[in-house]
Full PDB file with SEQRES, HELIX, SHEET, SSBOND, CRYST1, ORIGX, SCALE, CONECT and MASTER records, all heavy atoms in Angstrom:
SEQRES   1 A   35  GLU SER GLY GLY GLY LEU VAL GLN ALA GLY GLY SER LEU          
SEQRES   2 A   35  ARG LEU SER CYS ALA ALA SER GLY ARG THR PHE ARG ASN          
SEQRES   3 A   35  TYR ALA MET GLY TRP PHE ARG GLN ALA                          
HELIX    1 AA1 PHE A   24  ASN A   26  5                                   3    
CRYST1    1.000    1.000    1.000  90.00  90.00  90.00 P 1           1          
ORIGX1      1.000000  0.000000  0.000000        0.00000                         
ORIGX2      0.000000  1.000000  0.000000        0.00000                         
ORIGX3      0.000000  0.000000  1.000000        0.00000                         
SCALE1      1.000000  0.000000  0.000000        0.00000                         
SCALE2      0.000000  1.000000  0.000000        0.00000                         
SCALE3      0.000000  0.000000  1.000000        0.00000                         
ATOM      1  N   GLU A   1       2.273   6.087  -1.820  1.00  0.00           N  
ATOM      2  CA  GLU A   1       2.554   4.826  -1.293  1.00  0.00           C  
ATOM      3  C   GLU A   1       3.942   4.843  -0.776  1.00  0.00           C  
ATOM      4  O   GLU A   1       4.774   5.639  -1.294  1.00  0.00           O  
ATOM      5  CB  GLU A   1       2.387   3.643  -2.321  1.00  0.00           C  
ATOM      6  CG  GLU A   1       1.164   3.596  -2.965  1.00  0.00           C  
ATOM      7  CD  GLU A   1       0.947   4.242  -4.270  1.00  0.00           C  
ATOM      8  OE1 GLU A   1       1.703   5.257  -4.542  1.00  0.00           O  
ATOM      9  OE2 GLU A   1       0.110   3.880  -5.115  1.00  0.00           O  
ATOM     10  N   SER A   2       4.342   3.954   0.184  1.00  0.00           N  
ATOM     11  CA  SER A   2       5.732   3.893   0.616  1.00  0.00           C  
ATOM     12  C   SER A   2       5.923   2.342   1.077  1.00  0.00           C  
ATOM     13  O   SER A   2       4.861   1.683   1.285  1.00  0.00           O  
ATOM     14  CB  SER A   2       5.990   4.787   1.628  1.00  0.00           C  
ATOM     15  OG  SER A   2       5.031   4.514   2.937  1.00  0.00           O  
ATOM     16  N   GLY A   3       7.100   1.950   1.265  1.00  0.00           N  
ATOM     17  CA  GLY A   3       7.363   0.570   1.895  1.00  0.00           C  
ATOM     18  C   GLY A   3       7.910  -0.472   0.914  1.00  0.00           C  
ATOM     19  O   GLY A   3       8.181  -1.607   1.387  1.00  0.00           O  
ATOM     20  N   GLY A   4       7.924  -0.204  -0.369  1.00  0.00           N  
ATOM     21  CA  GLY A   4       8.344  -1.046  -1.286  1.00  0.00           C  
ATOM     22  C   GLY A   4       9.861  -1.367  -1.130  1.00  0.00           C  
ATOM     23  O   GLY A   4      10.577  -0.680  -0.363  1.00  0.00           O  
ATOM     24  N   GLY A   5      10.336  -2.413  -1.908  1.00  0.00           N  
ATOM     25  CA  GLY A   5      11.858  -2.685  -1.869  1.00  0.00           C  
ATOM     26  C   GLY A   5      12.072  -4.222  -2.236  1.00  0.00           C  
ATOM     27  O   GLY A   5      11.252  -4.622  -2.779  1.00  0.00           O  
ATOM     28  N   LEU A   6      13.357  -4.594  -1.954  1.00  0.00           N  
ATOM     29  CA  LEU A   6      13.880  -5.794  -2.267  1.00  0.00           C  
ATOM     30  C   LEU A   6      13.827  -6.741  -1.201  1.00  0.00           C  
ATOM     31  O   LEU A   6      14.297  -6.367   0.006  1.00  0.00           O  
ATOM     32  CB  LEU A   6      15.263  -5.721  -2.909  1.00  0.00           C  
ATOM     33  CG  LEU A   6      15.997  -6.939  -3.238  1.00  0.00           C  
ATOM     34  CD1 LEU A   6      15.323  -7.638  -4.424  1.00  0.00           C  
ATOM     35  CD2 LEU A   6      17.434  -6.588  -3.759  1.00  0.00           C  
ATOM     36  N   VAL A   7      13.319  -7.896  -1.367  1.00  0.00           N  
ATOM     37  CA  VAL A   7      13.271  -8.781  -0.249  1.00  0.00           C  
ATOM     38  C   VAL A   7      13.472 -10.340  -0.925  1.00  0.00           C  
ATOM     39  O   VAL A   7      13.041 -10.510  -1.945  1.00  0.00           O  
ATOM     40  CB  VAL A   7      11.819  -8.801   0.527  1.00  0.00           C  
ATOM     41  CG1 VAL A   7      10.710  -9.221  -0.456  1.00  0.00           C  
ATOM     42  CG2 VAL A   7      11.772  -9.565   1.771  1.00  0.00           C  
ATOM     43  N   GLN A   8      13.872 -11.167  -0.055  1.00  0.00           N  
ATOM     44  CA  GLN A   8      14.070 -12.574  -0.468  1.00  0.00           C  
ATOM     45  C   GLN A   8      12.755 -13.317  -0.372  1.00  0.00           C  
ATOM     46  O   GLN A   8      11.878 -13.005   0.401  1.00  0.00           O  
ATOM     47  CB  GLN A   8      15.117 -13.246   0.423  1.00  0.00           C  
ATOM     48  CG  GLN A   8      16.654 -12.768   0.092  1.00  0.00           C  
ATOM     49  CD  GLN A   8      17.735 -13.698   0.805  1.00  0.00           C  
ATOM     50  OE1 GLN A   8      17.377 -14.304   1.967  1.00  0.00           O  
ATOM     51  NE2 GLN A   8      18.798 -13.786   0.120  1.00  0.00           N  
ATOM     52  N   ALA A   9      12.607 -14.346  -1.213  1.00  0.00           N  
ATOM     53  CA  ALA A   9      11.485 -15.101  -1.109  1.00  0.00           C  
ATOM     54  C   ALA A   9      11.353 -15.662   0.362  1.00  0.00           C  
ATOM     55  O   ALA A   9      12.256 -16.116   0.954  1.00  0.00           O  
ATOM     56  CB  ALA A   9      11.578 -16.378  -2.138  1.00  0.00           C  
ATOM     57  N   GLY A  10      10.056 -15.630   0.757  1.00  0.00           N  
ATOM     58  CA  GLY A  10       9.825 -16.081   2.191  1.00  0.00           C  
ATOM     59  C   GLY A  10       9.638 -14.874   3.103  1.00  0.00           C  
ATOM     60  O   GLY A  10       9.203 -15.002   4.290  1.00  0.00           O  
ATOM     61  N   GLY A  11      10.152 -13.817   2.681  1.00  0.00           N  
ATOM     62  CA  GLY A  11      10.286 -12.698   3.541  1.00  0.00           C  
ATOM     63  C   GLY A  11       8.957 -11.871   3.613  1.00  0.00           C  
ATOM     64  O   GLY A  11       7.915 -12.209   2.940  1.00  0.00           O  
ATOM     65  N   SER A  12       9.030 -10.701   4.162  1.00  0.00           N  
ATOM     66  CA  SER A  12       7.782  -9.854   4.411  1.00  0.00           C  
ATOM     67  C   SER A  12       8.126  -8.429   4.048  1.00  0.00           C  
ATOM     68  O   SER A  12       9.180  -8.030   4.263  1.00  0.00           O  
ATOM     69  CB  SER A  12       7.291  -9.968   5.853  1.00  0.00           C  
ATOM     70  OG  SER A  12       6.952 -11.402   6.217  1.00  0.00           O  
ATOM     71  N   LEU A  13       7.041  -7.669   3.729  1.00  0.00           N  
ATOM     72  CA  LEU A  13       7.132  -6.359   3.524  1.00  0.00           C  
ATOM     73  C   LEU A  13       5.879  -5.598   3.907  1.00  0.00           C  
ATOM     74  O   LEU A  13       4.831  -6.376   3.863  1.00  0.00           O  
ATOM     75  CB  LEU A  13       7.388  -5.875   2.003  1.00  0.00           C  
ATOM     76  CG  LEU A  13       8.807  -5.978   1.551  1.00  0.00           C  
ATOM     77  CD1 LEU A  13       8.806  -5.700  -0.080  1.00  0.00           C  
ATOM     78  CD2 LEU A  13       9.668  -4.999   2.153  1.00  0.00           C  
ATOM     79  N   ARG A  14       5.818  -4.502   4.331  1.00  0.00           N  
ATOM     80  CA  ARG A  14       4.621  -3.738   4.660  1.00  0.00           C  
ATOM     81  C   ARG A  14       4.434  -2.467   3.858  1.00  0.00           C  
ATOM     82  O   ARG A  14       5.340  -1.595   4.024  1.00  0.00           O  
ATOM     83  CB  ARG A  14       4.622  -3.347   6.168  1.00  0.00           C  
ATOM     84  CG  ARG A  14       3.237  -2.786   6.534  1.00  0.00           C  
ATOM     85  CD  ARG A  14       3.400  -2.430   8.241  1.00  0.00           C  
ATOM     86  NE  ARG A  14       2.216  -1.801   8.637  1.00  0.00           N  
ATOM     87  CZ  ARG A  14       1.072  -2.356   9.105  1.00  0.00           C  
ATOM     88  NH1 ARG A  14       0.895  -3.725   8.949  1.00  0.00           N  
ATOM     89  NH2 ARG A  14       0.033  -1.634   9.541  1.00  0.00           N  
ATOM     90  N   LEU A  15       3.448  -2.425   3.018  1.00  0.00           N  
ATOM     91  CA  LEU A  15       3.291  -1.268   2.219  1.00  0.00           C  
ATOM     92  C   LEU A  15       2.269  -0.273   2.920  1.00  0.00           C  
ATOM     93  O   LEU A  15       1.315  -0.679   3.512  1.00  0.00           O  
ATOM     94  CB  LEU A  15       2.683  -1.557   0.841  1.00  0.00           C  
ATOM     95  CG  LEU A  15       3.476  -2.588  -0.024  1.00  0.00           C  
ATOM     96  CD1 LEU A  15       2.808  -2.780  -1.380  1.00  0.00           C  
ATOM     97  CD2 LEU A  15       4.885  -2.118  -0.157  1.00  0.00           C  
ATOM     98  N   SER A  16       2.439   0.980   2.831  1.00  0.00           N  
ATOM     99  CA  SER A  16       1.533   2.023   3.335  1.00  0.00           C  
ATOM    100  C   SER A  16       1.121   2.923   2.238  1.00  0.00           C  
ATOM    101  O   SER A  16       1.785   3.319   1.220  1.00  0.00           O  
ATOM    102  CB  SER A  16       2.146   2.720   4.413  1.00  0.00           C  
ATOM    103  OG  SER A  16       2.414   1.930   5.575  1.00  0.00           O  
ATOM    104  N   CYS A  17      -0.144   3.402   2.438  1.00  0.00           N  
ATOM    105  CA  CYS A  17      -0.659   4.430   1.385  1.00  0.00           C  
ATOM    106  C   CYS A  17      -1.259   5.548   2.304  1.00  0.00           C  
ATOM    107  O   CYS A  17      -2.200   5.225   3.094  1.00  0.00           O  
ATOM    108  CB  CYS A  17      -1.655   3.725   0.503  1.00  0.00           C  
ATOM    109  SG  CYS A  17      -2.516   4.973  -0.589  1.00  0.00           S  
ATOM    110  N   ALA A  18      -0.796   6.749   2.062  1.00  0.00           N  
ATOM    111  CA  ALA A  18      -1.241   7.913   2.794  1.00  0.00           C  
ATOM    112  C   ALA A  18      -2.094   8.723   1.957  1.00  0.00           C  
ATOM    113  O   ALA A  18      -1.854   9.071   0.820  1.00  0.00           O  
ATOM    114  CB  ALA A  18      -0.138   8.665   3.359  1.00  0.00           C  
ATOM    115  N   ALA A  19      -3.343   8.959   2.369  1.00  0.00           N  
ATOM    116  CA  ALA A  19      -4.352   9.648   1.630  1.00  0.00           C  
ATOM    117  C   ALA A  19      -4.613  10.983   2.229  1.00  0.00           C  
ATOM    118  O   ALA A  19      -4.748  11.186   3.343  1.00  0.00           O  
ATOM    119  CB  ALA A  19      -5.715   8.798   1.578  1.00  0.00           C  
ATOM    120  N   SER A  20      -4.894  11.983   1.274  1.00  0.00           N  
ATOM    121  CA  SER A  20      -5.406  13.333   1.674  1.00  0.00           C  
ATOM    122  C   SER A  20      -6.884  13.277   1.680  1.00  0.00           C  
ATOM    123  O   SER A  20      -7.554  12.289   1.193  1.00  0.00           O  
ATOM    124  CB  SER A  20      -4.873  14.381   0.868  1.00  0.00           C  
ATOM    125  OG  SER A  20      -5.329  14.176  -0.433  1.00  0.00           O  
ATOM    126  N   GLY A  21      -7.498  14.245   2.204  1.00  0.00           N  
ATOM    127  CA  GLY A  21      -8.969  14.336   2.148  1.00  0.00           C  
ATOM    128  C   GLY A  21      -9.695  14.136   3.455  1.00  0.00           C  
ATOM    129  O   GLY A  21      -9.109  13.300   4.253  1.00  0.00           O  
ATOM    130  N   ARG A  22     -10.842  14.758   3.669  1.00  0.00           N  
ATOM    131  CA  ARG A  22     -11.434  14.675   5.002  1.00  0.00           C  
ATOM    132  C   ARG A  22     -12.496  13.483   5.025  1.00  0.00           C  
ATOM    133  O   ARG A  22     -13.024  13.197   6.080  1.00  0.00           O  
ATOM    134  CB  ARG A  22     -12.079  15.990   5.310  1.00  0.00           C  
ATOM    135  CG  ARG A  22     -11.129  17.093   5.529  1.00  0.00           C  
ATOM    136  CD  ARG A  22     -11.770  18.391   5.783  1.00  0.00           C  
ATOM    137  NE  ARG A  22     -12.389  18.952   4.548  1.00  0.00           N  
ATOM    138  CZ  ARG A  22     -12.988  20.026   4.463  1.00  0.00           C  
ATOM    139  NH1 ARG A  22     -13.308  20.802   5.458  1.00  0.00           N  
ATOM    140  NH2 ARG A  22     -13.526  20.545   3.280  1.00  0.00           N  
ATOM    141  N   THR A  23     -12.753  12.931   3.873  1.00  0.00           N  
ATOM    142  CA  THR A  23     -13.798  11.904   3.905  1.00  0.00           C  
ATOM    143  C   THR A  23     -13.151  10.494   3.512  1.00  0.00           C  
ATOM    144  O   THR A  23     -13.834   9.594   2.934  1.00  0.00           O  
ATOM    145  CB  THR A  23     -14.801  12.125   2.827  1.00  0.00           C  
ATOM    146  OG1 THR A  23     -14.218  12.236   1.582  1.00  0.00           O  
ATOM    147  CG2 THR A  23     -15.528  13.401   3.226  1.00  0.00           C  
ATOM    148  N   PHE A  24     -11.973  10.292   4.102  1.00  0.00           N  
ATOM    149  CA  PHE A  24     -11.275   9.043   3.731  1.00  0.00           C  
ATOM    150  C   PHE A  24     -12.181   7.781   4.160  1.00  0.00           C  
ATOM    151  O   PHE A  24     -12.147   6.817   3.613  1.00  0.00           O  
ATOM    152  CB  PHE A  24      -9.915   9.060   4.495  1.00  0.00           C  
ATOM    153  CG  PHE A  24      -9.167   7.752   4.330  1.00  0.00           C  
ATOM    154  CD1 PHE A  24      -8.458   7.437   3.266  1.00  0.00           C  
ATOM    155  CD2 PHE A  24      -9.064   6.844   5.410  1.00  0.00           C  
ATOM    156  CE1 PHE A  24      -7.708   6.229   3.066  1.00  0.00           C  
ATOM    157  CE2 PHE A  24      -8.415   5.623   5.345  1.00  0.00           C  
ATOM    158  CZ  PHE A  24      -7.731   5.345   4.286  1.00  0.00           C  
ATOM    159  N   ARG A  25     -12.874   7.989   5.373  1.00  0.00           N  
ATOM    160  CA  ARG A  25     -13.515   6.757   5.878  1.00  0.00           C  
ATOM    161  C   ARG A  25     -14.564   6.254   4.889  1.00  0.00           C  
ATOM    162  O   ARG A  25     -15.081   5.129   4.983  1.00  0.00           O  
ATOM    163  CB  ARG A  25     -14.060   7.090   7.201  1.00  0.00           C  
ATOM    164  CG  ARG A  25     -15.124   8.116   7.170  1.00  0.00           C  
ATOM    165  CD  ARG A  25     -15.849   8.300   8.654  1.00  0.00           C  
ATOM    166  NE  ARG A  25     -14.828   8.868   9.511  1.00  0.00           N  
ATOM    167  CZ  ARG A  25     -14.473   8.102  10.464  1.00  0.00           C  
ATOM    168  NH1 ARG A  25     -14.855   6.826  10.596  1.00  0.00           N  
ATOM    169  NH2 ARG A  25     -13.555   8.611  11.440  1.00  0.00           N  
ATOM    170  N   ASN A  26     -15.012   7.067   4.027  1.00  0.00           N  
ATOM    171  CA  ASN A  26     -16.214   6.762   3.014  1.00  0.00           C  
ATOM    172  C   ASN A  26     -15.592   6.050   1.803  1.00  0.00           C  
ATOM    173  O   ASN A  26     -16.356   5.550   1.089  1.00  0.00           O  
ATOM    174  CB  ASN A  26     -16.972   7.931   2.714  1.00  0.00           C  
ATOM    175  CG  ASN A  26     -17.636   8.600   3.786  1.00  0.00           C  
ATOM    176  OD1 ASN A  26     -17.898   8.016   4.888  1.00  0.00           O  
ATOM    177  ND2 ASN A  26     -18.058   9.819   3.694  1.00  0.00           N  
ATOM    178  N   TYR A  27     -14.364   5.920   1.729  1.00  0.00           N  
ATOM    179  CA  TYR A  27     -13.874   5.402   0.431  1.00  0.00           C  
ATOM    180  C   TYR A  27     -13.509   3.956   0.565  1.00  0.00           C  
ATOM    181  O   TYR A  27     -12.894   3.479   1.588  1.00  0.00           O  
ATOM    182  CB  TYR A  27     -12.532   6.223   0.057  1.00  0.00           C  
ATOM    183  CG  TYR A  27     -12.714   7.388  -0.504  1.00  0.00           C  
ATOM    184  CD1 TYR A  27     -12.944   8.604   0.105  1.00  0.00           C  
ATOM    185  CD2 TYR A  27     -12.748   7.699  -1.955  1.00  0.00           C  
ATOM    186  CE1 TYR A  27     -13.140   9.873  -0.377  1.00  0.00           C  
ATOM    187  CE2 TYR A  27     -12.984   8.892  -2.692  1.00  0.00           C  
ATOM    188  CZ  TYR A  27     -13.158   9.948  -1.759  1.00  0.00           C  
ATOM    189  OH  TYR A  27     -13.397  11.243  -2.333  1.00  0.00           O  
ATOM    190  N   ALA A  28     -13.660   3.278  -0.513  1.00  0.00           N  
ATOM    191  CA  ALA A  28     -13.135   1.968  -0.637  1.00  0.00           C  
ATOM    192  C   ALA A  28     -11.668   2.120  -1.068  1.00  0.00           C  
ATOM    193  O   ALA A  28     -11.409   2.911  -1.908  1.00  0.00           O  
ATOM    194  CB  ALA A  28     -13.963   1.069  -1.668  1.00  0.00           C  
ATOM    195  N   MET A  29     -10.803   1.363  -0.331  1.00  0.00           N  
ATOM    196  CA  MET A  29      -9.341   1.459  -0.648  1.00  0.00           C  
ATOM    197  C   MET A  29      -8.794   0.143  -1.200  1.00  0.00           C  
ATOM    198  O   MET A  29      -9.061  -0.843  -0.539  1.00  0.00           O  
ATOM    199  CB  MET A  29      -8.589   1.887   0.641  1.00  0.00           C  
ATOM    200  CG  MET A  29      -8.996   3.248   1.216  1.00  0.00           C  
ATOM    201  SD  MET A  29      -8.705   4.580  -0.006  1.00  0.00           S  
ATOM    202  CE  MET A  29      -6.924   4.520  -0.142  1.00  0.00           C  
ATOM    203  N   GLY A  30      -8.142   0.194  -2.291  1.00  0.00           N  
ATOM    204  CA  GLY A  30      -7.663  -1.160  -2.795  1.00  0.00           C  
ATOM    205  C   GLY A  30      -6.197  -1.047  -3.162  1.00  0.00           C  
ATOM    206  O   GLY A  30      -5.550   0.064  -3.210  1.00  0.00           O  
ATOM    207  N   TRP A  31      -5.586  -2.203  -3.329  1.00  0.00           N  
ATOM    208  CA  TRP A  31      -4.350  -2.295  -3.784  1.00  0.00           C  
ATOM    209  C   TRP A  31      -4.219  -3.144  -5.053  1.00  0.00           C  
ATOM    210  O   TRP A  31      -4.990  -4.228  -5.144  1.00  0.00           O  
ATOM    211  CB  TRP A  31      -3.392  -3.144  -2.650  1.00  0.00           C  
ATOM    212  CG  TRP A  31      -3.002  -2.266  -1.517  1.00  0.00           C  
ATOM    213  CD1 TRP A  31      -3.637  -2.251  -0.258  1.00  0.00           C  
ATOM    214  CD2 TRP A  31      -1.909  -1.277  -1.479  1.00  0.00           C  
ATOM    215  NE1 TRP A  31      -3.005  -1.266   0.483  1.00  0.00           N  
ATOM    216  CE2 TRP A  31      -1.836  -0.725  -0.230  1.00  0.00           C  
ATOM    217  CE3 TRP A  31      -0.889  -0.991  -2.495  1.00  0.00           C  
ATOM    218  CZ2 TRP A  31      -0.862   0.135   0.164  1.00  0.00           C  
ATOM    219  CZ3 TRP A  31       0.135   0.026  -1.995  1.00  0.00           C  
ATOM    220  CH2 TRP A  31       0.060   0.515  -0.739  1.00  0.00           C  
ATOM    221  N   PHE A  32      -3.463  -2.752  -6.061  1.00  0.00           N  
ATOM    222  CA  PHE A  32      -3.359  -3.308  -7.285  1.00  0.00           C  
ATOM    223  C   PHE A  32      -1.968  -3.524  -7.615  1.00  0.00           C  
ATOM    224  O   PHE A  32      -1.109  -2.804  -7.017  1.00  0.00           O  
ATOM    225  CB  PHE A  32      -4.081  -2.591  -8.376  1.00  0.00           C  
ATOM    226  CG  PHE A  32      -5.570  -2.585  -8.211  1.00  0.00           C  
ATOM    227  CD1 PHE A  32      -6.197  -1.631  -7.364  1.00  0.00           C  
ATOM    228  CD2 PHE A  32      -6.396  -3.356  -9.051  1.00  0.00           C  
ATOM    229  CE1 PHE A  32      -7.573  -1.618  -7.239  1.00  0.00           C  
ATOM    230  CE2 PHE A  32      -7.743  -3.368  -8.977  1.00  0.00           C  
ATOM    231  CZ  PHE A  32      -8.415  -2.473  -7.938  1.00  0.00           C  
ATOM    232  N   ARG A  33      -1.648  -4.429  -8.543  1.00  0.00           N  
ATOM    233  CA  ARG A  33      -0.142  -4.534  -8.873  1.00  0.00           C  
ATOM    234  C   ARG A  33       0.018  -4.911 -10.370  1.00  0.00           C  
ATOM    235  O   ARG A  33      -0.876  -5.392 -10.938  1.00  0.00           O  
ATOM    236  CB  ARG A  33       0.488  -5.691  -8.082  1.00  0.00           C  
ATOM    237  CG  ARG A  33      -0.014  -7.152  -8.435  1.00  0.00           C  
ATOM    238  CD  ARG A  33       0.653  -8.118  -7.376  1.00  0.00           C  
ATOM    239  NE  ARG A  33       0.159  -9.465  -7.732  1.00  0.00           N  
ATOM    240  CZ  ARG A  33       0.545 -10.507  -6.995  1.00  0.00           C  
ATOM    241  NH1 ARG A  33       1.173 -10.320  -5.914  1.00  0.00           N  
ATOM    242  NH2 ARG A  33       0.075 -11.732  -7.284  1.00  0.00           N  
ATOM    243  N   GLN A  34       1.115  -4.528 -10.897  1.00  0.00           N  
ATOM    244  CA  GLN A  34       1.375  -4.637 -12.239  1.00  0.00           C  
ATOM    245  C   GLN A  34       2.822  -5.152 -12.417  1.00  0.00           C  
ATOM    246  O   GLN A  34       3.808  -4.449 -12.014  1.00  0.00           O  
ATOM    247  CB  GLN A  34       1.203  -3.406 -13.166  1.00  0.00           C  
ATOM    248  CG  GLN A  34       1.301  -3.649 -14.573  1.00  0.00           C  
ATOM    249  CD  GLN A  34       0.837  -2.385 -15.375  1.00  0.00           C  
ATOM    250  OE1 GLN A  34       0.678  -1.423 -14.991  1.00  0.00           O  
ATOM    251  NE2 GLN A  34       0.470  -2.653 -16.691  1.00  0.00           N  
ATOM    252  N   ALA A  35       3.020  -6.325 -12.882  1.00  0.00           N  
ATOM    253  CA  ALA A  35       4.325  -7.028 -13.182  1.00  0.00           C  
ATOM    254  C   ALA A  35       4.700  -6.453 -14.625  1.00  0.00           C  
ATOM    255  O   ALA A  35       3.855  -6.337 -15.491  1.00  0.00           O  
ATOM    256  CB  ALA A  35       4.230  -8.437 -13.002  1.00  0.00           C  
TER     257      ALA A  35                                                      
MASTER        0    0    0    1    0    0    0    6  256    1    0    3          
END                                                                             
């Protein structure tokens, strides 16, 4: 993953996740978070 950081309320961020592997298209991809 990349793209995290500090932002003020109301702002925006874009996270990216780069995957290895030749069958990426067959995978379900999810985002989870833990506070």
